[in-house]
N, C-alpha and C. Protein backbone atom coordinates (compact mmCIF):
# COMPACT_ATOMS: atom_id res chain seq x y z
N MET A 1 121.50 99.38 114.08
CA MET A 1 120.57 97.82 113.20
C MET A 1 119.55 98.21 112.03
N THR A 2 119.61 98.42 111.15
CA THR A 2 118.63 98.63 109.79
C THR A 2 117.48 97.19 109.76
N LEU A 3 116.16 97.72 109.44
CA LEU A 3 115.58 96.30 109.62
C LEU A 3 115.29 96.28 107.73
N SER A 4 115.35 95.13 107.49
CA SER A 4 114.92 94.47 106.25
C SER A 4 113.82 95.20 106.16
N TYR A 5 113.64 95.10 104.22
CA TYR A 5 112.57 95.74 103.87
C TYR A 5 111.28 94.81 103.96
N LYS A 6 111.46 93.30 103.97
CA LYS A 6 110.31 92.60 104.65
C LYS A 6 109.48 92.81 106.19
N ALA A 7 111.51 92.99 106.84
CA ALA A 7 110.80 93.52 108.43
C ALA A 7 109.80 94.79 108.95
N ARG A 8 110.37 95.53 107.57
CA ARG A 8 109.85 97.09 107.67
C ARG A 8 108.16 96.55 108.17
N ARG A 9 108.55 95.74 106.71
CA ARG A 9 106.60 95.76 105.91
C ARG A 9 105.59 94.67 107.28
N ARG A 10 106.06 93.63 108.06
CA ARG A 10 105.65 93.32 108.64
C ARG A 10 105.33 94.46 110.14
N TRP A 11 106.51 94.98 110.62
CA TRP A 11 106.19 96.15 111.70
C TRP A 11 105.59 96.40 111.31
N SER A 12 105.78 97.39 110.42
CA SER A 12 104.43 98.21 110.10
C SER A 12 103.03 97.90 109.88
N LEU A 13 102.65 96.92 109.80
CA LEU A 13 101.97 96.04 109.33
C LEU A 13 101.07 95.84 111.07
N VAL A 14 101.93 95.28 111.77
CA VAL A 14 101.61 95.30 113.69
C VAL A 14 101.08 96.71 114.20
N LEU A 15 102.13 97.38 113.49
CA LEU A 15 101.92 99.15 113.68
C LEU A 15 100.32 99.73 113.87
N LEU A 16 100.01 99.45 112.42
CA LEU A 16 98.58 99.78 112.02
C LEU A 16 97.28 99.54 112.66
N LEU A 17 97.63 97.10 112.72
CA LEU A 17 96.47 96.87 112.76
C LEU A 17 96.55 96.84 114.44
N ILE A 18 97.54 96.51 114.72
CA ILE A 18 97.35 96.51 116.61
C ILE A 18 97.52 97.69 117.45
N GLY A 19 98.78 98.98 117.06
CA GLY A 19 99.70 99.63 117.79
C GLY A 19 98.34 100.84 117.84
N LEU A 20 98.07 101.23 116.17
CA LEU A 20 96.92 102.13 116.15
C LEU A 20 95.86 102.15 116.77
N PRO A 21 94.54 101.23 116.81
CA PRO A 21 93.94 101.01 117.87
C PRO A 21 94.42 100.84 119.41
N LEU A 22 95.33 100.50 120.04
CA LEU A 22 95.65 100.56 120.99
C LEU A 22 95.63 102.05 121.56
N TYR A 23 96.48 103.18 120.85
CA TYR A 23 96.47 104.38 120.60
C TYR A 23 95.40 105.11 120.56
N ILE A 24 93.87 104.71 119.65
CA ILE A 24 93.49 105.81 119.38
C ILE A 24 91.98 105.36 120.58
N VAL A 25 92.57 104.18 121.55
CA VAL A 25 91.49 103.82 122.90
C VAL A 25 91.83 104.45 124.08
N VAL A 26 93.34 104.67 124.18
CA VAL A 26 93.95 105.32 125.04
C VAL A 26 94.03 106.84 125.47
N ALA A 27 93.93 107.20 123.49
CA ALA A 27 93.37 109.15 124.35
C ALA A 27 92.22 109.48 123.88
N VAL A 28 90.90 108.40 123.63
CA VAL A 28 89.98 108.64 124.03
C VAL A 28 89.86 108.41 125.26
N SER A 29 90.04 107.81 126.18
CA SER A 29 89.58 107.38 126.92
C SER A 29 91.04 108.31 128.42
N ILE A 30 91.65 108.56 127.61
CA ILE A 30 92.37 110.24 128.58
C ILE A 30 91.36 111.23 128.22
N MET A 31 91.03 111.84 127.12
CA MET A 31 89.94 112.70 126.48
C MET A 31 89.08 112.78 127.57
N ASN A 32 88.17 111.37 127.45
CA ASN A 32 87.17 111.06 128.38
C ASN A 32 87.15 111.75 130.04
N TRP A 33 88.67 111.12 130.57
CA TRP A 33 89.01 111.21 131.98
C TRP A 33 88.72 112.83 131.87
N LEU A 34 89.56 113.70 131.56
CA LEU A 34 89.05 115.14 131.17
C LEU A 34 88.03 115.86 131.24
N ASN A 35 86.77 114.75 131.24
CA ASN A 35 86.18 116.20 131.08
C ASN A 35 85.16 116.90 129.73
N ARG A 36 86.15 116.07 128.93
CA ARG A 36 85.62 116.37 127.13
C ARG A 36 85.67 117.83 126.85
N PRO A 37 87.13 118.47 126.60
CA PRO A 37 86.63 119.80 126.99
C PRO A 37 86.01 120.24 125.08
N PRO A 38 85.56 121.70 125.08
CA PRO A 38 85.12 121.90 123.57
C PRO A 38 85.22 121.68 122.36
N PHE A 39 84.08 121.41 121.75
CA PHE A 39 84.73 120.52 120.66
C PHE A 39 85.55 120.85 119.23
N ILE A 40 85.97 122.38 119.30
CA ILE A 40 87.60 122.42 118.75
C ILE A 40 88.35 122.18 119.42
N VAL A 41 88.81 122.40 120.56
CA VAL A 41 89.28 122.01 121.76
C VAL A 41 90.02 120.97 121.58
N GLU A 42 89.01 120.30 121.82
CA GLU A 42 88.53 118.15 121.36
C GLU A 42 89.23 117.72 119.70
N LEU A 43 88.77 118.63 119.06
CA LEU A 43 89.01 118.36 117.47
C LEU A 43 91.31 118.31 117.13
N LEU A 44 91.39 119.50 117.31
CA LEU A 44 92.66 120.18 118.19
C LEU A 44 93.70 118.57 118.49
N VAL A 45 92.79 118.61 119.56
CA VAL A 45 94.23 117.40 120.69
C VAL A 45 93.79 116.42 119.41
N TYR A 46 92.95 116.05 119.03
CA TYR A 46 92.97 114.86 117.94
C TYR A 46 93.67 114.65 116.63
N ALA A 47 93.37 115.93 116.75
CA ALA A 47 94.36 115.80 115.50
C ALA A 47 95.67 116.37 115.18
N ILE A 48 96.81 116.37 116.68
CA ILE A 48 97.60 117.00 116.69
C ILE A 48 98.58 115.12 117.34
N LEU A 49 97.58 114.76 118.10
CA LEU A 49 98.05 112.96 118.48
C LEU A 49 97.76 111.87 117.09
N GLY A 50 97.07 112.62 116.05
CA GLY A 50 97.07 111.81 115.17
C GLY A 50 98.17 111.70 114.04
N VAL A 51 98.85 112.51 114.61
CA VAL A 51 99.86 113.06 113.62
C VAL A 51 101.58 111.82 115.11
N LEU A 52 101.40 113.00 115.62
CA LEU A 52 102.23 112.34 116.87
C LEU A 52 102.51 111.38 116.91
N TRP A 53 101.61 109.61 116.57
CA TRP A 53 102.27 108.35 117.53
C TRP A 53 102.21 108.42 116.28
N ALA A 54 102.98 108.92 114.96
CA ALA A 54 103.25 108.22 113.23
C ALA A 54 104.93 108.62 113.88
N ILE A 55 105.71 109.71 114.20
CA ILE A 55 106.65 110.71 114.28
C ILE A 55 107.78 109.34 114.85
N PRO A 56 107.80 108.50 115.80
CA PRO A 56 108.58 108.24 116.23
C PRO A 56 109.06 106.13 115.43
N PHE A 57 108.13 106.34 114.36
CA PHE A 57 108.29 105.08 113.30
C PHE A 57 108.35 105.28 111.93
N LYS A 58 108.24 106.47 111.91
CA LYS A 58 108.70 107.25 110.70
C LYS A 58 109.57 106.14 109.69
N PHE A 59 110.91 106.19 110.65
CA PHE A 59 111.83 104.93 109.87
C PHE A 59 110.89 104.03 109.61
N VAL A 60 109.57 103.35 110.30
CA VAL A 60 109.51 101.82 109.62
C VAL A 60 108.75 102.23 108.16
N PHE A 61 108.37 102.86 108.29
CA PHE A 61 107.31 103.26 107.32
C PHE A 61 108.24 103.75 105.61
N LYS A 62 108.54 104.29 105.87
CA LYS A 62 109.82 105.17 105.17
C LYS A 62 110.06 103.86 103.99
N GLY A 63 108.91 104.67 102.98
CA GLY A 63 109.70 103.28 101.50
C GLY A 63 108.54 101.76 101.69
N ILE A 64 107.36 101.95 102.15
CA ILE A 64 107.01 101.04 102.22
C ILE A 64 106.10 100.12 101.36
N GLY A 65 105.88 101.95 100.62
CA GLY A 65 104.81 101.95 99.30
C GLY A 65 104.85 101.24 98.41
N GLN A 66 107.30 101.36 98.35
CA GLN A 66 107.44 101.22 97.08
C GLN A 66 107.57 99.67 96.70
N ALA A 67 108.57 99.47 95.93
CA ALA A 67 108.42 97.88 95.11
C ALA A 67 109.62 97.32 95.83
N ASP A 68 109.86 96.41 96.40
CA ASP A 68 111.16 96.05 97.16
C ASP A 68 112.58 96.47 96.96
N PRO A 69 112.87 97.11 97.15
CA PRO A 69 114.38 97.08 96.39
C PRO A 69 115.06 96.63 96.67
N ASP A 70 115.53 94.72 97.08
CA ASP A 70 116.12 93.67 97.21
C ASP A 70 115.74 92.77 96.74
N ALA A 71 114.35 92.96 96.30
CA ALA A 71 113.72 91.68 95.39
C ALA A 71 114.64 92.09 93.81
N LYS A 72 114.80 90.40 93.16
CA LYS A 72 115.55 90.55 91.87
C LYS A 72 114.11 90.35 91.23
N ASP A 73 114.44 91.41 89.59
CA ASP A 73 113.26 91.56 88.77
C ASP A 73 113.07 90.15 87.78
């Protein structure tokens, strides 16, 4: 099942505006629950988590910055 360009564009907005802030809150909550490790370790964990959240949604974000391929000129 492939998503249309419009659907991918809408889902990318939902993920960026709702999903990403929720993910950030969860990541910060977990780091605080673990009694905040040293700054360098904390920075490394946040950098890794910042990349990992997008990997499952790569297919949604792919090609969103381009013009609609199905649009008529």
